[in-house]
C-alpha atoms as a PDB file:
ATOM      1  CA  UNK A   1       5.746  -4.973 -18.522  1.00  0.00           C
ATOM      2  CA  UNK A   2       4.270  -4.694 -15.071  1.00  0.00           C
ATOM      3  CA  UNK A   3       2.541  -1.527 -14.008  1.00  0.00           C
ATOM      4  CA  UNK A   4       1.051  -0.395 -10.709  1.00  0.00           C
ATOM      5  CA  UNK A   5      -1.139   2.674 -10.505  1.00  0.00           C
ATOM      6  CA  UNK A   6      -2.005   4.159  -7.135  1.00  0.00           C
ATOM      7  CA  UNK A   7      -4.735   6.538  -6.114  1.00  0.00           C
ATOM      8  CA  UNK A   8      -6.406   7.875  -3.008  1.00  0.00           C
ATOM      9  CA  UNK A   9      -3.808   9.987  -1.255  1.00  0.00           C
ATOM     10  CA  UNK A  10      -4.461  13.475  -0.004  1.00  0.00           C
ATOM     11  CA  UNK A  11      -4.601  15.840   2.932  1.00  0.00           C
ATOM     12  CA  UNK A  12      -6.552  14.903   6.032  1.00  0.00           C
ATOM     13  CA  UNK A  13      -6.744  16.074   9.626  1.00  0.00           C
ATOM     14  CA  UNK A  14      -5.462  13.947  12.453  1.00  0.00           C
ATOM     15  CA  UNK A  15      -8.029  11.303  13.343  1.00  0.00           C
ATOM     16  CA  UNK A  16      -9.358  11.188   9.807  1.00  0.00           C
ATOM     17  CA  UNK A  17      -9.359   8.403   7.233  1.00  0.00           C
ATOM     18  CA  UNK A  18      -8.112   7.737   3.741  1.00  0.00           C
ATOM     19  CA  UNK A  19      -8.316   4.746   1.445  1.00  0.00           C
ATOM     20  CA  UNK A  20      -5.507   4.006  -0.978  1.00  0.00           C
ATOM     21  CA  UNK A  21      -5.931   1.829  -4.049  1.00  0.00           C
ATOM     22  CA  UNK A  22      -3.353   0.224  -6.307  1.00  0.00           C
ATOM     23  CA  UNK A  23      -4.249  -1.505  -9.559  1.00  0.00           C
ATOM     24  CA  UNK A  24      -1.679  -3.894 -11.015  1.00  0.00           C
ATOM     25  CA  UNK A  25      -1.353  -5.024 -14.617  1.00  0.00           C
ATOM     26  CA  UNK A  26       1.115  -6.860 -16.818  1.00  0.00           C
ATOM     27  CA  UNK A  27       1.592  -9.874 -14.585  1.00  0.00           C
ATOM     28  CA  UNK A  28       1.339 -13.283 -16.203  1.00  0.00           C
ATOM     29  CA  UNK A  29       0.606 -16.103 -13.826  1.00  0.00           C
ATOM     30  CA  UNK A  30      -0.784 -14.408 -10.753  1.00  0.00           C
ATOM     31  CA  UNK A  31       0.460 -11.992  -8.139  1.00  0.00           C
ATOM     32  CA  UNK A  32       1.563 -13.667  -4.934  1.00  0.00           C
ATOM     33  CA  UNK A  33       2.623 -10.679  -2.879  1.00  0.00           C
ATOM     34  CA  UNK A  34       1.055  -7.242  -2.662  1.00  0.00           C
ATOM     35  CA  UNK A  35       1.916  -4.632  -0.133  1.00  0.00           C
ATOM     36  CA  UNK A  36       2.237  -1.037   0.920  1.00  0.00           C
ATOM     37  CA  UNK A  37       5.372   0.818   1.937  1.00  0.00           C
ATOM     38  CA  UNK A  38       5.893   4.431   2.887  1.00  0.00           C
ATOM     39  CA  UNK A  39       8.702   6.932   2.907  1.00  0.00           C
ATOM     40  CA  UNK A  40       8.720  10.103   4.959  1.00  0.00           C
ATOM     41  CA  UNK A  41      11.100  12.995   4.152  1.00  0.00           C
ATOM     42  CA  UNK A  42      14.613  12.193   5.277  1.00  0.00           C
ATOM     43  CA  UNK A  43      13.732   8.619   6.209  1.00  0.00           C
ATOM     44  CA  UNK A  44      14.108   5.215   4.605  1.00  0.00           C
ATOM     45  CA  UNK A  45      11.233   3.463   2.940  1.00  0.00           C
ATOM     46  CA  UNK A  46       9.479   1.196   5.443  1.00  0.00           C
ATOM     47  CA  UNK A  47       6.999  -1.625   5.226  1.00  0.00           C
ATOM     48  CA  UNK A  48       3.424  -0.807   6.210  1.00  0.00           C
ATOM     49  CA  UNK A  49       1.457  -3.956   5.369  1.00  0.00           C
ATOM     50  CA  UNK A  50       1.586  -6.987   3.119  1.00  0.00           C
ATOM     51  CA  UNK A  51      -0.854  -9.603   1.902  1.00  0.00           C
ATOM     52  CA  UNK A  52       0.599 -12.854   0.594  1.00  0.00           C
ATOM     53  CA  UNK A  53      -1.297 -15.352  -1.526  1.00  0.00           C
ATOM     54  CA  UNK A  54      -4.424 -13.410  -0.759  1.00  0.00           C
ATOM     55  CA  UNK A  55      -4.691 -14.636   2.816  1.00  0.00           C
ATOM     56  CA  UNK A  56      -1.561 -14.106   4.894  1.00  0.00           C
ATOM     57  CA  UNK A  57      -1.556 -10.548   6.202  1.00  0.00           C
ATOM     58  CA  UNK A  58       1.020  -8.709   8.259  1.00  0.00           C
ATOM     59  CA  UNK A  59       1.270  -5.148   9.538  1.00  0.00           C
ATOM     60  CA  UNK A  60       3.971  -2.935  10.917  1.00  0.00           C
ATOM     61  CA  UNK A  61       3.488  -2.352  14.624  1.00  0.00           C
ATOM     62  CA  UNK A  62       2.899   1.344  14.147  1.00  0.00           C
ATOM     63  CA  UNK A  63      -0.260   0.783  12.064  1.00  0.00           C
ATOM     64  CA  UNK A  64      -1.801  -2.214  13.814  1.00  0.00           C
ATOM     65  CA  UNK A  65      -5.380  -1.545  14.753  1.00  0.00           C
ATOM     66  CA  UNK A  66      -5.587   1.504  12.482  1.00  0.00           C
ATOM     67  CA  UNK A  67      -4.853   0.298   8.935  1.00  0.00           C
ATOM     68  CA  UNK A  68      -6.385  -2.596   7.010  1.00  0.00           C
ATOM     69  CA  UNK A  69      -4.953  -4.101   3.844  1.00  0.00           C
ATOM     70  CA  UNK A  70      -7.202  -5.987   1.469  1.00  0.00           C
ATOM     71  CA  UNK A  71      -7.125  -7.310  -2.065  1.00  0.00           C
ATOM     72  CA  UNK A  72      -9.557  -7.818  -4.894  1.00  0.00           C
ATOM     73  CA  UNK A  73      -8.100 -10.716  -6.862  1.00  0.00           C
ATOM     74  CA  UNK A  74     -10.437 -10.276  -9.801  1.00  0.00           C
ATOM     75  CA  UNK A  75      -9.239  -6.703 -10.255  1.00  0.00           C
ATOM     76  CA  UNK A  76      -5.599  -7.294  -9.247  1.00  0.00           C
ATOM     77  CA  UNK A  77      -6.066  -4.395  -6.882  1.00  0.00           C
ATOM     78  CA  UNK A  78      -4.803  -3.898  -3.359  1.00  0.00           C
ATOM     79  CA  UNK A  79      -6.299  -1.423  -0.915  1.00  0.00           C
ATOM     80  CA  UNK A  80      -5.121   0.230   2.262  1.00  0.00           C
ATOM     81  CA  UNK A  81      -7.817   1.567   4.540  1.00  0.00           C
ATOM     82  CA  UNK A  82      -6.212   4.030   6.927  1.00  0.00           C
ATOM     83  CA  UNK A  83      -8.183   5.159   9.964  1.00  0.00           C
ATOM     84  CA  UNK A  84      -7.271   7.307  12.948  1.00  0.00           C
ATOM     85  CA  UNK A  85      -4.462   8.887  10.983  1.00  0.00           C
ATOM     86  CA  UNK A  86      -1.683  10.644  12.843  1.00  0.00           C
ATOM     87  CA  UNK A  87       0.705  13.393  11.714  1.00  0.00           C
ATOM     88  CA  UNK A  88       3.525  10.847  11.825  1.00  0.00           C
ATOM     89  CA  UNK A  89       1.739   8.878   9.101  1.00  0.00           C
ATOM     90  CA  UNK A  90       2.603  11.667   6.675  1.00  0.00           C
ATOM     91  CA  UNK A  91       4.632  10.122   3.865  1.00  0.00           C
ATOM     92  CA  UNK A  92       4.607   9.035   0.257  1.00  0.00           C
ATOM     93  CA  UNK A  93       2.918   5.662   0.110  1.00  0.00           C
ATOM     94  CA  UNK A  94       4.041   3.095  -2.471  1.00  0.00           C
ATOM     95  CA  UNK A  95       2.407  -0.159  -3.438  1.00  0.00           C
ATOM     96  CA  UNK A  96       4.409  -3.203  -4.404  1.00  0.00           C
ATOM     97  CA  UNK A  97       3.541  -6.431  -6.161  1.00  0.00           C
ATOM     98  CA  UNK A  98       5.457  -9.568  -6.985  1.00  0.00           C
ATOM     99  CA  UNK A  99       4.685 -12.636  -9.015  1.00  0.00           C
ATOM    100  CA  UNK A 100       6.727 -15.486  -7.536  1.00  0.00           C
ATOM    101  CA  UNK A 101       6.519 -17.815 -10.543  1.00  0.00           C
ATOM    102  CA  UNK A 102       8.253 -15.418 -12.942  1.00  0.00           C
ATOM    103  CA  UNK A 103       9.944 -13.128 -10.436  1.00  0.00           C
ATOM    104  CA  UNK A 104       8.290 -10.122 -12.020  1.00  0.00           C
ATOM    105  CA  UNK A 105       7.755  -7.284  -9.571  1.00  0.00           C
ATOM    106  CA  UNK A 106       7.139  -3.592  -9.532  1.00  0.00           C
ATOM    107  CA  UNK A 107       6.414  -0.438  -7.587  1.00  0.00           C
ATOM    108  CA  UNK A 108       3.747   2.165  -7.924  1.00  0.00           C
ATOM    109  CA  UNK A 109       4.602   5.796  -8.544  1.00  0.00           C
ATOM    110  CA  UNK A 110       3.733   6.803  -5.003  1.00  0.00           C
ATOM    111  CA  UNK A 111       0.872   8.803  -3.564  1.00  0.00           C
ATOM    112  CA  UNK A 112       1.272  11.554  -0.994  1.00  0.00           C
ATOM    113  CA  UNK A 113      -0.545  11.276   2.315  1.00  0.00           C
ATOM    114  CA  UNK A 114      -0.412  14.347   4.540  1.00  0.00           C
ATOM    115  CA  UNK A 115      -1.946  14.377   8.000  1.00  0.00           C
ATOM    116  CA  UNK A 116      -2.291  17.753   9.687  1.00  0.00           C
ATOM    117  CA  UNK A 117      -2.402  18.177  13.433  1.00  0.00           C
END
């Protein structure tokens, strides 16, 4: 059974920084895809950043230059460094992981990020 546990959310002023972490467990052969999504009140969940096979990284346009995704393979942990936060970044942030060989995948429980103006 796969499990993803997030941490690092909180309340920060505009222009501030937060670092999210997500530790994955229960995967068998190796996680190929890890990523972060977010969902603001009244909006659909949207992709923030992904890292595939540990090297291929992509970002949503609205976070480019401000957020950095990284991964520690030994710890099966993905991070999201968020700098220059804006009030519109306020959302629940979810991590996601998928193991392509088995198809196993899962979501974290979500962590709230609130940016005050």
